[in-house]
Amino acid sequence: MAHSLSAQKRVRQNAKHRALNRWRLKVMRDAVRDFQEQVLHGTAATANEAFLKCQKAIDRAAQRGVIHKNQAARRKSRLSASLKAKKTAKA
């Protein structure tokens, strides 16, 4: 248990930041899940729209430090490849 006032404040701040980061991670994962659902069952146009939302959520998570920038780039690259495969499969 923190005894000094500054340590107690730090505990409160850490709890708030942890909760916010968990929320940001959930938003990103939900966007990825929606995109993958559109790739499997939707059209190429709806998958493309979901990809843009997913890309925005990933970038926002990386910008805030929830995930590393290299992880964000890797995720976007893999999602882009799956979108490209969906578009070529339909053509």
C-alpha atoms as a PDB file:
ATOM      1  CA  MET A   1       0.000   0.000   0.000  1.00  0.00           C
ATOM      2  CA  ALA A   2       1.311   3.439  -0.936  1.00  0.00           C
ATOM      3  CA  HIS A   3       1.980   5.711   2.015  1.00  0.00           C
ATOM      4  CA  SER A   4       3.022   9.056   0.582  1.00  0.00           C
ATOM      5  CA  LEU A   5       0.507  11.337  -1.099  1.00  0.00           C
ATOM      6  CA  SER A   6       2.396  11.270  -4.388  1.00  0.00           C
ATOM      7  CA  ALA A   7       2.487   7.466  -4.377  1.00  0.00           C
ATOM      8  CA  GLN A   8      -1.244   7.310  -3.655  1.00  0.00           C
ATOM      9  CA  LYS A   9      -1.915   9.699  -6.522  1.00  0.00           C
ATOM     10  CA  ARG A  10       0.281   7.564  -8.778  1.00  0.00           C
ATOM     11  CA  VAL A  11      -1.770   4.475  -7.897  1.00  0.00           C
ATOM     12  CA  ARG A  12      -4.976   6.316  -8.833  1.00  0.00           C
ATOM     13  CA  GLN A  13      -3.481   7.560 -12.111  1.00  0.00           C
ATOM     14  CA  ASN A  14      -2.219   4.104 -13.011  1.00  0.00           C
ATOM     15  CA  ALA A  15      -5.662   2.607 -12.465  1.00  0.00           C
ATOM     16  CA  LYS A  16      -7.274   5.223 -14.725  1.00  0.00           C
ATOM     17  CA  HIS A  17      -4.675   4.805 -17.452  1.00  0.00           C
ATOM     18  CA  ARG A  18      -4.879   1.009 -17.298  1.00  0.00           C
ATOM     19  CA  ALA A  19      -8.659   1.137 -17.675  1.00  0.00           C
ATOM     20  CA  LEU A  20      -8.409   3.543 -20.608  1.00  0.00           C
ATOM     21  CA  ASN A  21      -5.760   1.424 -22.317  1.00  0.00           C
ATOM     22  CA  ARG A  22      -7.880  -1.703 -21.885  1.00  0.00           C
ATOM     23  CA  TRP A  23     -10.793   0.132 -23.504  1.00  0.00           C
ATOM     24  CA  ARG A  24      -8.612   1.279 -26.415  1.00  0.00           C
ATOM     25  CA  LEU A  25      -7.369  -2.271 -26.935  1.00  0.00           C
ATOM     26  CA  LYS A  26     -10.945  -3.570 -26.908  1.00  0.00           C
ATOM     27  CA  VAL A  27     -12.023  -0.987 -29.504  1.00  0.00           C
ATOM     28  CA  MET A  28      -9.142  -2.056 -31.737  1.00  0.00           C
ATOM     29  CA  ARG A  29      -9.884  -5.756 -31.347  1.00  0.00           C
ATOM     30  CA  ASP A  30     -13.579  -5.206 -32.040  1.00  0.00           C
ATOM     31  CA  ALA A  31     -12.710  -3.317 -35.230  1.00  0.00           C
ATOM     32  CA  VAL A  32     -10.426  -6.159 -36.347  1.00  0.00           C
ATOM     33  CA  ARG A  33     -13.129  -8.710 -35.560  1.00  0.00           C
ATOM     34  CA  ASP A  34     -15.705  -6.742 -37.557  1.00  0.00           C
ATOM     35  CA  PHE A  35     -13.307  -6.498 -40.482  1.00  0.00           C
ATOM     36  CA  GLN A  36     -12.605 -10.233 -40.463  1.00  0.00           C
ATOM     37  CA  GLU A  37     -16.334 -10.902 -40.359  1.00  0.00           C
ATOM     38  CA  GLN A  38     -16.806  -8.696 -43.425  1.00  0.00           C
ATOM     39  CA  VAL A  39     -13.981 -10.470 -45.244  1.00  0.00           C
ATOM     40  CA  LEU A  40     -15.616 -13.841 -44.609  1.00  0.00           C
ATOM     41  CA  HIS A  41     -19.279 -13.002 -45.120  1.00  0.00           C
ATOM     42  CA  GLY A  42     -19.549  -9.512 -46.604  1.00  0.00           C
ATOM     43  CA  THR A  43     -18.901  -7.923 -49.958  1.00  0.00           C
ATOM     44  CA  ALA A  44     -15.610  -6.387 -51.027  1.00  0.00           C
ATOM     45  CA  ALA A  45     -17.039  -2.891 -50.586  1.00  0.00           C
ATOM     46  CA  THR A  46     -18.170  -3.487 -46.999  1.00  0.00           C
ATOM     47  CA  ALA A  47     -14.851  -5.189 -46.237  1.00  0.00           C
ATOM     48  CA  ASN A  48     -13.004  -2.164 -47.577  1.00  0.00           C
ATOM     49  CA  GLU A  49     -15.086   0.160 -45.394  1.00  0.00           C
ATOM     50  CA  ALA A  50     -14.442  -2.023 -42.353  1.00  0.00           C
ATOM     51  CA  PHE A  51     -10.724  -2.045 -43.191  1.00  0.00           C
ATOM     52  CA  LEU A  52     -10.572   1.746 -43.059  1.00  0.00           C
ATOM     53  CA  LYS A  53     -12.209   1.771 -39.624  1.00  0.00           C
ATOM     54  CA  CYS A  54      -9.907  -1.003 -38.474  1.00  0.00           C
ATOM     55  CA  GLN A  55      -6.842   0.827 -39.735  1.00  0.00           C
ATOM     56  CA  LYS A  56      -7.884   3.969 -37.883  1.00  0.00           C
ATOM     57  CA  ALA A  57      -8.384   2.055 -34.629  1.00  0.00           C
ATOM     58  CA  ILE A  58      -4.997   0.347 -34.948  1.00  0.00           C
ATOM     59  CA  ASP A  59      -3.234   3.641 -35.645  1.00  0.00           C
ATOM     60  CA  ARG A  60      -4.924   5.276 -32.685  1.00  0.00           C
ATOM     61  CA  ALA A  61      -3.885   2.434 -30.369  1.00  0.00           C
ATOM     62  CA  ALA A  62      -0.289   2.682 -31.585  1.00  0.00           C
ATOM     63  CA  GLN A  63      -0.250   6.447 -31.239  1.00  0.00           C
ATOM     64  CA  ARG A  64      -1.406   6.195 -27.625  1.00  0.00           C
ATOM     65  CA  GLY A  65       1.181   3.530 -26.807  1.00  0.00           C
ATOM     66  CA  VAL A  66      -1.251   0.669 -26.264  1.00  0.00           C
ATOM     67  CA  ILE A  67       0.559  -1.363 -28.917  1.00  0.00           C
ATOM     68  CA  HIS A  68       3.965  -0.866 -30.501  1.00  0.00           C
ATOM     69  CA  LYS A  69       4.196   0.921 -33.841  1.00  0.00           C
ATOM     70  CA  ASN A  70       5.772  -2.137 -35.466  1.00  0.00           C
ATOM     71  CA  GLN A  71       2.921  -4.313 -34.229  1.00  0.00           C
ATOM     72  CA  ALA A  72       0.462  -1.822 -35.709  1.00  0.00           C
ATOM     73  CA  ALA A  73       2.254  -1.924 -39.054  1.00  0.00           C
ATOM     74  CA  ARG A  74       2.307  -5.737 -39.013  1.00  0.00           C
ATOM     75  CA  ARG A  75      -1.391  -5.964 -38.191  1.00  0.00           C
ATOM     76  CA  LYS A  76      -2.360  -3.498 -40.921  1.00  0.00           C
ATOM     77  CA  SER A  77      -0.184  -5.323 -43.434  1.00  0.00           C
ATOM     78  CA  ARG A  78      -1.801  -8.673 -42.687  1.00  0.00           C
ATOM     79  CA  LEU A  79      -5.304  -7.216 -42.792  1.00  0.00           C
ATOM     80  CA  SER A  80      -4.516  -5.488 -46.067  1.00  0.00           C
ATOM     81  CA  ALA A  81      -3.304  -8.774 -47.528  1.00  0.00           C
ATOM     82  CA  SER A  82      -6.530 -10.502 -46.528  1.00  0.00           C
ATOM     83  CA  LEU A  83      -8.550  -7.671 -48.096  1.00  0.00           C
ATOM     84  CA  LYS A  84      -6.530  -7.962 -51.290  1.00  0.00           C
ATOM     85  CA  ALA A  85      -7.111 -11.722 -51.366  1.00  0.00           C
ATOM     86  CA  LYS A  86     -10.857 -11.128 -50.948  1.00  0.00           C
ATOM     87  CA  LYS A  87     -10.896  -8.658 -53.854  1.00  0.00           C
ATOM     88  CA  THR A  88      -8.938 -10.942 -56.162  1.00  0.00           C
ATOM     89  CA  ALA A  89     -11.045 -13.958 -55.252  1.00  0.00           C
ATOM     90  CA  LYS A  90     -14.205 -12.151 -56.334  1.00  0.00           C
ATOM     91  CA  ALA A  91     -12.700 -10.953 -59.619  1.00  0.00           C
END
